[in-house]
């Protein structure tokens, strides 16, 4: 008899592994062990860059024919915060009052367990199906995301591995399961600006050049820049200042340097090129006026994308509605996810558990939600390969 995996039991197993990014702790191996038992061919991919930790990733596939339906997720989790503030051990996987507690229950070990459980049941009831099922599991989503899904996607391109559709198991719902399915994401651009002037005494400003003055004017100009009004699929782009500092700790010293960091979350009305051109123009114009040198660095962490709600998205939406009695909003809200890399090789959507406790103390998910998500994933597989 084919093995049927229980979603709650597997969630507990995964939670008990303290895989705080970039540490793996055996989480990828545990996922691979269960998938091999179900007949998957598993490839462990280790990637490392200079000055970064080695990251374990997994690509697993069952079958060789098309279509190839892929599930993507991550086993790494964020730090626990103050352990004393937790009501239970953050890696205990304890069940209390109908909920399972632990770091990663929501984001997103619970969803991984649900999809593996759904696959195990699907294979038991569908010994022969036309197509393939695959997994992309990374240990680098909560970190710098350099040696994770991004490099797995490059690996799959080189291998000419075809994925026809990908479901990313991120916690897409804020309050209730079935509330939202993500069909796209905004892009993200972080900018680091440093202005250099001349240090001096605050009583003799004419003998110095204060870089804080042009920096404030640059930030004011950037914040008053209305990027757009949004689109039918995306909310308006926004720029947020996250850090401002100088190199001086004294109250009576004009600093030599002043720095700021800001992030732009942008929709498909913009590109990295157009945004950087505007930022460069503003900073150069103002810094030159105040005779300060300027240095700019950028970090590009994802471009805006959308998956058009075609046949598969419509089918998934109906399944979610049927099981949860809630019609999901097709949304592009929220931060970035690994879908920003996967969209280069396959259309993808995000649907997982409720995320209102993710990254918080006492992260937890409802046992009933685990059961519902497993049922949703199972029905999606059944209808996709029907």
Protein backbone atom coordinates (compact mmCIF):
# COMPACT_ATOMS: atom_id res chain seq x y z
CA UNK A 1 0.00 0.00 0.00
CA UNK A 2 1.29 3.47 -0.89
CA UNK A 3 2.48 5.62 2.00
CA UNK A 4 0.13 8.47 2.96
CA UNK A 5 1.86 11.24 4.87
CA UNK A 6 0.02 13.19 7.54
CA UNK A 7 0.37 16.96 7.25
CA UNK A 8 0.37 17.61 11.02
CA UNK A 9 2.98 14.96 11.78
CA UNK A 10 5.30 16.23 9.05
CA UNK A 11 4.82 19.85 10.17
CA UNK A 12 5.91 18.79 13.67
CA UNK A 13 8.98 17.03 12.26
CA UNK A 14 10.01 20.11 10.32
CA UNK A 15 9.35 22.55 13.18
CA UNK A 16 11.63 20.57 15.49
CA UNK A 17 14.56 21.37 13.19
CA UNK A 18 15.95 24.83 14.11
CA UNK A 19 16.75 25.84 10.53
CA UNK A 20 17.34 29.55 11.18
CA UNK A 21 18.69 30.96 7.94
CA UNK A 22 21.35 30.21 6.71
CA UNK A 23 21.50 27.04 8.88
CA UNK A 24 19.82 23.95 7.48
CA UNK A 25 19.93 21.56 10.41
CA UNK A 26 18.79 18.65 8.27
CA UNK A 27 15.52 20.17 7.06
CA UNK A 28 16.26 19.71 3.36
CA UNK A 29 17.35 16.11 4.00
CA UNK A 30 14.09 15.42 5.84
CA UNK A 31 12.01 16.69 2.92
CA UNK A 32 14.11 14.66 0.48
CA UNK A 33 13.71 11.51 2.60
CA UNK A 34 9.92 11.71 2.45
CA UNK A 35 9.90 12.51 -1.26
CA UNK A 36 12.26 9.65 -2.11
CA UNK A 37 9.92 7.32 -0.24
CA UNK A 38 7.14 8.54 -2.55
CA UNK A 39 9.27 7.78 -5.61
CA UNK A 40 10.75 11.21 -6.36
CA UNK A 41 14.21 11.63 -7.88
CA UNK A 42 15.88 14.11 -5.55
CA UNK A 43 18.85 16.34 -6.34
CA UNK A 44 20.50 18.22 -3.48
CA UNK A 45 22.07 21.43 -4.77
CA UNK A 46 24.70 23.21 -2.68
CA UNK A 47 25.47 26.79 -3.68
CA UNK A 48 27.98 29.20 -2.18
CA UNK A 49 29.30 32.64 -3.03
CA UNK A 50 32.28 34.51 -1.66
CA UNK A 51 31.53 35.78 1.86
CA UNK A 52 28.24 33.85 2.03
CA UNK A 53 27.31 30.60 3.73
CA UNK A 54 26.83 27.41 1.74
CA UNK A 55 23.11 26.81 1.17
CA UNK A 56 21.37 23.48 0.63
CA UNK A 57 18.55 23.38 -1.90
CA UNK A 58 16.42 20.59 -3.33
CA UNK A 59 14.95 19.90 -6.73
CA UNK A 60 12.80 16.78 -6.80
CA UNK A 61 10.73 15.36 -9.62
CA UNK A 62 8.38 12.43 -10.08
CA UNK A 63 7.74 11.53 -13.71
CA UNK A 64 9.36 12.66 -16.93
CA UNK A 65 6.45 13.76 -19.08
CA UNK A 66 4.62 17.06 -19.37
CA UNK A 67 2.91 18.93 -17.87
CA UNK A 68 5.19 19.43 -14.88
CA UNK A 69 3.38 20.94 -11.87
CA UNK A 70 5.87 22.35 -9.36
CA UNK A 71 5.56 23.33 -5.71
CA UNK A 72 8.10 25.83 -4.35
CA UNK A 73 8.92 26.62 -0.76
CA UNK A 74 11.62 27.21 1.82
CA UNK A 75 12.66 25.40 4.98
CA UNK A 76 14.72 28.23 6.46
CA UNK A 77 13.09 30.42 9.10
CA UNK A 78 13.73 33.79 10.73
CA UNK A 79 15.26 34.01 14.23
CA UNK A 80 13.00 33.35 17.21
CA UNK A 81 13.35 36.70 18.91
CA UNK A 82 13.23 36.62 22.72
CA UNK A 83 12.73 32.93 23.53
CA UNK A 84 11.41 33.87 26.99
CA UNK A 85 8.49 35.63 25.32
CA UNK A 86 7.29 32.40 23.72
CA UNK A 87 4.54 30.45 25.50
CA UNK A 88 6.10 27.22 24.20
CA UNK A 89 9.49 26.26 22.84
CA UNK A 90 9.88 27.88 19.38
CA UNK A 91 11.06 24.55 17.95
CA UNK A 92 8.78 22.28 19.99
CA UNK A 93 5.91 21.85 17.55
CA UNK A 94 3.50 21.70 20.48
CA UNK A 95 -0.25 21.57 19.80
CA UNK A 96 -2.46 23.68 22.07
CA UNK A 97 -6.12 24.64 21.70
CA UNK A 98 -6.34 23.49 18.09
CA UNK A 99 -3.13 25.19 16.94
CA UNK A 100 0.42 24.04 16.32
CA UNK A 101 3.12 26.40 17.56
CA UNK A 102 6.67 26.96 16.40
CA UNK A 103 8.93 29.05 14.21
CA UNK A 104 8.05 28.29 10.61
CA UNK A 105 4.58 26.83 11.14
CA UNK A 106 3.09 29.56 8.98
CA UNK A 107 6.15 30.65 7.01
CA UNK A 108 6.32 28.07 5.58
CA UNK A 109 7.01 24.57 6.85
CA UNK A 110 3.30 23.94 7.33
CA UNK A 111 2.57 24.50 3.63
CA UNK A 112 5.46 22.24 2.59
CA UNK A 113 4.04 19.49 4.82
CA UNK A 114 0.55 20.02 3.38
CA UNK A 115 1.71 19.71 -0.22
CA UNK A 116 3.78 16.59 0.47
CA UNK A 117 0.78 15.08 2.28
CA UNK A 118 -1.49 16.01 -0.66
CA UNK A 119 0.96 14.42 -3.12
CA UNK A 120 1.11 11.22 -1.08
CA UNK A 121 -2.68 10.91 -1.14
CA UNK A 122 -2.85 11.85 -4.82
CA UNK A 123 -0.33 9.13 -5.73
CA UNK A 124 -2.25 6.57 -3.70
CA UNK A 125 -5.45 7.34 -5.64
CA UNK A 126 -3.81 8.04 -9.01
CA UNK A 127 -1.12 5.45 -9.61
CA UNK A 128 -0.87 6.54 -13.24
CA UNK A 129 -1.26 10.18 -14.19
CA UNK A 130 -0.24 12.07 -17.29
CA UNK A 131 2.54 14.42 -16.28
CA UNK A 132 5.08 15.16 -13.56
CA UNK A 133 5.13 16.67 -10.08
CA UNK A 134 8.19 18.53 -8.84
CA UNK A 135 9.49 20.49 -5.84
CA UNK A 136 11.85 23.43 -5.51
CA UNK A 137 12.79 23.74 -1.84
CA UNK A 138 15.39 26.26 -0.71
CA UNK A 139 17.16 27.15 2.51
CA UNK A 140 17.85 30.76 1.54
CA UNK A 141 14.51 32.58 1.22
CA UNK A 142 14.64 34.39 4.55
CA UNK A 143 18.26 35.40 4.02
CA UNK A 144 20.04 37.18 1.21
CA UNK A 145 18.41 34.90 -1.38
CA UNK A 146 21.64 34.64 -3.38
CA UNK A 147 22.33 30.91 -3.14
CA UNK A 148 18.79 29.61 -3.12
CA UNK A 149 15.93 29.58 -5.62
CA UNK A 150 17.70 32.08 -7.88
CA UNK A 151 20.51 29.60 -8.53
CA UNK A 152 18.15 26.62 -8.65
CA UNK A 153 16.31 28.39 -11.48
CA UNK A 154 19.64 28.93 -13.29
CA UNK A 155 20.40 25.23 -12.79
CA UNK A 156 17.02 24.21 -14.24
CA UNK A 157 17.55 26.50 -17.24
CA UNK A 158 20.90 24.85 -17.98
CA UNK A 159 19.34 21.40 -17.61
CA UNK A 160 16.48 22.52 -19.89
CA UNK A 161 14.06 21.35 -17.22
CA UNK A 162 10.56 22.47 -18.15
CA UNK A 163 8.08 23.57 -15.48
CA UNK A 164 4.59 24.30 -16.76
CA UNK A 165 3.12 25.84 -13.63
CA UNK A 166 4.40 26.61 -10.13
CA UNK A 167 2.55 27.00 -6.86
CA UNK A 168 4.53 28.83 -4.17
CA UNK A 169 3.37 27.95 -0.66
CA UNK A 170 3.92 31.33 1.00
CA UNK A 171 1.38 32.37 3.67
CA UNK A 172 -0.78 34.40 1.31
CA UNK A 173 -3.71 34.90 3.68
CA UNK A 174 -3.67 37.54 6.42
CA UNK A 175 -6.65 36.56 8.58
CA UNK A 176 -8.52 33.63 7.07
CA UNK A 177 -7.51 30.79 4.79
CA UNK A 178 -8.98 31.29 1.33
CA UNK A 179 -8.82 35.06 1.62
CA UNK A 180 -6.13 35.75 -0.96
CA UNK A 181 -4.06 34.23 -3.75
CA UNK A 182 -1.03 36.17 -4.96
CA UNK A 183 -0.77 36.34 -8.75
CA UNK A 184 2.15 38.76 -8.82
CA UNK A 185 4.41 40.98 -6.79
CA UNK A 186 5.82 44.47 -6.93
CA UNK A 187 9.50 44.97 -7.57
CA UNK A 188 11.99 46.12 -4.94
CA UNK A 189 14.97 48.47 -5.26
CA UNK A 190 17.07 49.52 -2.26
CA UNK A 191 19.39 52.52 -2.66
CA UNK A 192 22.33 53.50 -0.45
CA UNK A 193 23.44 57.15 -0.76
CA UNK A 194 26.53 58.63 0.90
CA UNK A 195 27.51 62.29 0.61
CA UNK A 196 30.98 63.50 1.54
CA UNK A 197 31.70 67.09 2.61
CA UNK A 198 34.27 68.67 4.90
CA UNK A 199 34.23 68.16 8.66
CA UNK A 200 34.40 71.24 10.88
CA UNK A 201 33.22 73.10 13.98
CA UNK A 202 29.53 74.01 14.05
CA UNK A 203 30.50 77.61 15.03
CA UNK A 204 32.52 78.00 11.80
CA UNK A 205 30.28 76.53 9.07
CA UNK A 206 31.99 78.62 6.38
CA UNK A 207 35.15 76.59 6.98
CA UNK A 208 33.34 73.27 6.48
CA UNK A 209 30.90 71.65 4.07
CA UNK A 210 27.98 69.93 5.78
CA UNK A 211 26.80 66.91 3.72
CA UNK A 212 23.65 66.59 5.87
CA UNK A 213 22.11 69.66 4.23
CA UNK A 214 22.07 68.32 0.65
CA UNK A 215 21.16 64.83 1.91
CA UNK A 216 18.03 66.20 3.60
CA UNK A 217 17.11 68.06 0.42
CA UNK A 218 17.69 64.93 -1.69
CA UNK A 219 15.45 62.85 0.60
CA UNK A 220 12.78 65.55 0.59
CA UNK A 221 12.85 65.67 -3.21
CA UNK A 222 12.63 61.88 -3.45
CA UNK A 223 9.76 61.64 -0.95
CA UNK A 224 7.77 64.29 -2.82
CA UNK A 225 8.23 62.35 -6.06
CA UNK A 226 4.86 60.79 -6.93
CA UNK A 227 5.84 57.61 -8.70
CA UNK A 228 2.38 56.66 -10.04
CA UNK A 229 -1.29 56.13 -9.15
CA UNK A 230 -1.20 52.36 -9.38
CA UNK A 231 -2.68 50.12 -12.07
CA UNK A 232 -5.57 47.69 -12.39
CA UNK A 233 -3.37 44.95 -10.92
CA UNK A 234 -0.96 46.87 -8.68
CA UNK A 235 -1.19 49.38 -5.86
CA UNK A 236 0.77 52.65 -6.23
CA UNK A 237 4.55 52.43 -6.01
CA UNK A 238 6.05 53.83 -2.80
CA UNK A 239 9.43 55.05 -1.58
CA UNK A 240 10.30 54.67 2.11
CA UNK A 241 13.39 56.03 3.88
CA UNK A 242 14.76 53.36 6.22
CA UNK A 243 18.06 54.75 7.56
CA UNK A 244 19.72 58.16 8.00
CA UNK A 245 23.12 58.65 9.68
CA UNK A 246 26.35 60.66 9.82
CA UNK A 247 29.89 59.72 10.80
CA UNK A 248 29.93 62.10 13.78
CA UNK A 249 29.02 61.28 17.38
CA UNK A 250 29.64 64.79 18.66
CA UNK A 251 27.01 67.53 18.97
CA UNK A 252 29.32 70.37 17.98
CA UNK A 253 30.94 68.83 14.90
CA UNK A 254 29.81 69.15 11.30
CA UNK A 255 30.12 65.60 9.92
CA UNK A 256 32.31 64.62 7.01
CA UNK A 257 29.79 62.15 5.62
CA UNK A 258 26.02 61.70 5.71
CA UNK A 259 24.26 58.57 4.52
CA UNK A 260 20.75 57.36 3.86
CA UNK A 261 19.06 54.16 2.75
CA UNK A 262 15.68 53.99 1.08
CA UNK A 263 13.59 51.31 -0.60
CA UNK A 264 11.18 51.59 -3.52
CA UNK A 265 8.43 49.01 -4.00
CA UNK A 266 7.38 49.52 -7.58
CA UNK A 267 4.75 48.23 -9.99
CA UNK A 268 5.10 47.43 -13.68
CA UNK A 269 5.09 51.09 -14.67
CA UNK A 270 8.77 51.19 -13.69
CA UNK A 271 12.00 49.31 -14.25
CA UNK A 272 15.32 49.33 -12.44
CA UNK A 273 16.75 51.47 -15.23
CA UNK A 274 14.09 54.19 -15.11
CA UNK A 275 14.14 54.38 -11.30
CA UNK A 276 17.93 54.53 -11.04
CA UNK A 277 18.07 57.21 -13.73
CA UNK A 278 15.70 59.42 -11.73
CA UNK A 279 17.51 58.79 -8.43
CA UNK A 280 20.88 59.55 -10.02
CA UNK A 281 19.61 62.79 -11.56
CA UNK A 282 18.22 64.12 -8.26
CA UNK A 283 21.27 63.22 -6.16
CA UNK A 284 23.76 64.56 -8.68
CA UNK A 285 21.95 67.85 -9.15
CA UNK A 286 21.64 68.65 -5.44
CA UNK A 287 25.02 67.30 -4.29
CA UNK A 288 26.77 69.30 -7.02
CA UNK A 289 24.99 72.47 -5.91
CA UNK A 290 26.34 72.00 -2.37
CA UNK A 291 29.79 70.90 -3.56
CA UNK A 292 29.59 67.45 -1.98
CA UNK A 293 30.78 64.20 -3.47
CA UNK A 294 28.15 61.50 -3.81
CA UNK A 295 28.36 57.72 -3.86
CA UNK A 296 25.35 55.57 -4.79
CA UNK A 297 24.89 51.80 -4.49
CA UNK A 298 21.82 49.80 -5.47
CA UNK A 299 20.40 46.43 -4.44
CA UNK A 300 17.92 44.94 -6.89
CA UNK A 301 15.80 42.22 -5.28
CA UNK A 302 13.01 41.63 -7.75
CA UNK A 303 11.11 43.18 -10.64
CA UNK A 304 7.35 43.59 -10.81
CA UNK A 305 5.49 40.70 -12.43
CA UNK A 306 2.01 39.30 -12.83
CA UNK A 307 0.62 35.91 -13.81
CA UNK A 308 -2.48 36.39 -15.92
CA UNK A 309 -5.43 34.56 -14.34
CA UNK A 310 -5.84 31.87 -16.99
CA UNK A 311 -7.33 28.39 -16.79
CA UNK A 312 -5.14 27.05 -13.97
CA UNK A 313 -5.53 30.16 -11.80
CA UNK A 314 -9.30 30.09 -12.31
CA UNK A 315 -9.40 26.40 -11.39
CA UNK A 316 -7.39 27.02 -8.22
CA UNK A 317 -9.62 29.94 -7.27
CA UNK A 318 -12.71 27.73 -7.58
CA UNK A 319 -11.13 24.94 -5.51
CA UNK A 320 -10.24 27.41 -2.75
CA UNK A 321 -13.78 28.82 -2.80
CA UNK A 322 -15.36 25.35 -2.70
CA UNK A 323 -13.29 24.21 0.30
CA UNK A 324 -13.12 27.43 2.34
CA UNK A 325 -16.40 29.09 1.30
CA UNK A 326 -14.31 32.15 0.53
CA UNK A 327 -13.55 33.49 -2.93
CA UNK A 328 -9.87 34.49 -2.91
CA UNK A 329 -8.85 37.97 -3.96
CA UNK A 330 -6.27 37.80 -6.75
CA UNK A 331 -3.65 40.11 -5.31
CA UNK A 332 -0.18 41.53 -5.93
CA UNK A 333 0.24 43.02 -2.45
CA UNK A 334 2.93 42.29 0.10
CA UNK A 335 6.69 42.00 -0.04
CA UNK A 336 8.93 39.89 -2.21
CA UNK A 337 9.07 36.10 -2.43
CA UNK A 338 10.95 33.50 -4.44
CA UNK A 339 8.24 33.76 -7.06
CA UNK A 340 10.30 36.70 -8.37
CA UNK A 341 12.86 34.17 -9.60
CA UNK A 342 10.53 31.35 -10.64
CA UNK A 343 8.42 33.62 -12.87
CA UNK A 344 11.37 33.60 -15.31
CA UNK A 345 10.76 29.92 -16.09
CA UNK A 346 7.07 29.33 -15.35
CA UNK A 347 3.80 31.09 -14.53
CA UNK A 348 3.36 31.01 -10.77
CA UNK A 349 0.96 31.95 -7.99
CA UNK A 350 1.24 31.95 -4.22
CA UNK A 351 -1.21 30.29 -1.86
CA UNK A 352 -0.56 28.97 1.61
CA UNK A 353 -1.57 29.35 5.23
CA UNK A 354 -2.63 32.34 7.30
CA UNK A 355 0.35 34.63 7.90
CA UNK A 356 -0.75 36.95 10.71
CA UNK A 357 1.74 35.35 13.15
CA UNK A 358 4.66 34.82 10.78
CA UNK A 359 7.98 36.28 12.00
CA UNK A 360 6.32 36.95 15.38
CA UNK A 361 6.70 35.40 18.83
CA UNK A 362 4.32 32.42 19.23
CA UNK A 363 4.03 31.80 15.48
CA UNK A 364 1.27 29.26 14.95
CA UNK A 365 -1.33 27.88 12.56
CA UNK A 366 -4.70 26.26 13.03
CA UNK A 367 -4.86 22.46 12.71
CA UNK A 368 -8.08 22.91 10.75
CA UNK A 369 -6.26 25.24 8.35
CA UNK A 370 -3.58 22.60 7.78
CA UNK A 371 -6.30 20.11 6.90
CA UNK A 372 -8.03 22.57 4.57
CA UNK A 373 -4.80 23.49 2.82
CA UNK A 374 -3.94 19.83 2.29
CA UNK A 375 -7.42 19.29 0.78
CA UNK A 376 -6.99 22.33 -1.48
CA UNK A 377 -3.59 21.14 -2.69
CA UNK A 378 -4.94 17.63 -3.30
CA UNK A 379 -7.90 18.88 -5.34
CA UNK A 380 -5.67 21.21 -7.36
CA UNK A 381 -3.44 18.26 -8.30
CA UNK A 382 -6.46 16.11 -9.15
CA UNK A 383 -8.00 18.73 -11.46
CA UNK A 384 -4.69 19.85 -12.96
CA UNK A 385 -3.92 16.30 -14.13
CA UNK A 386 -7.54 15.42 -14.93
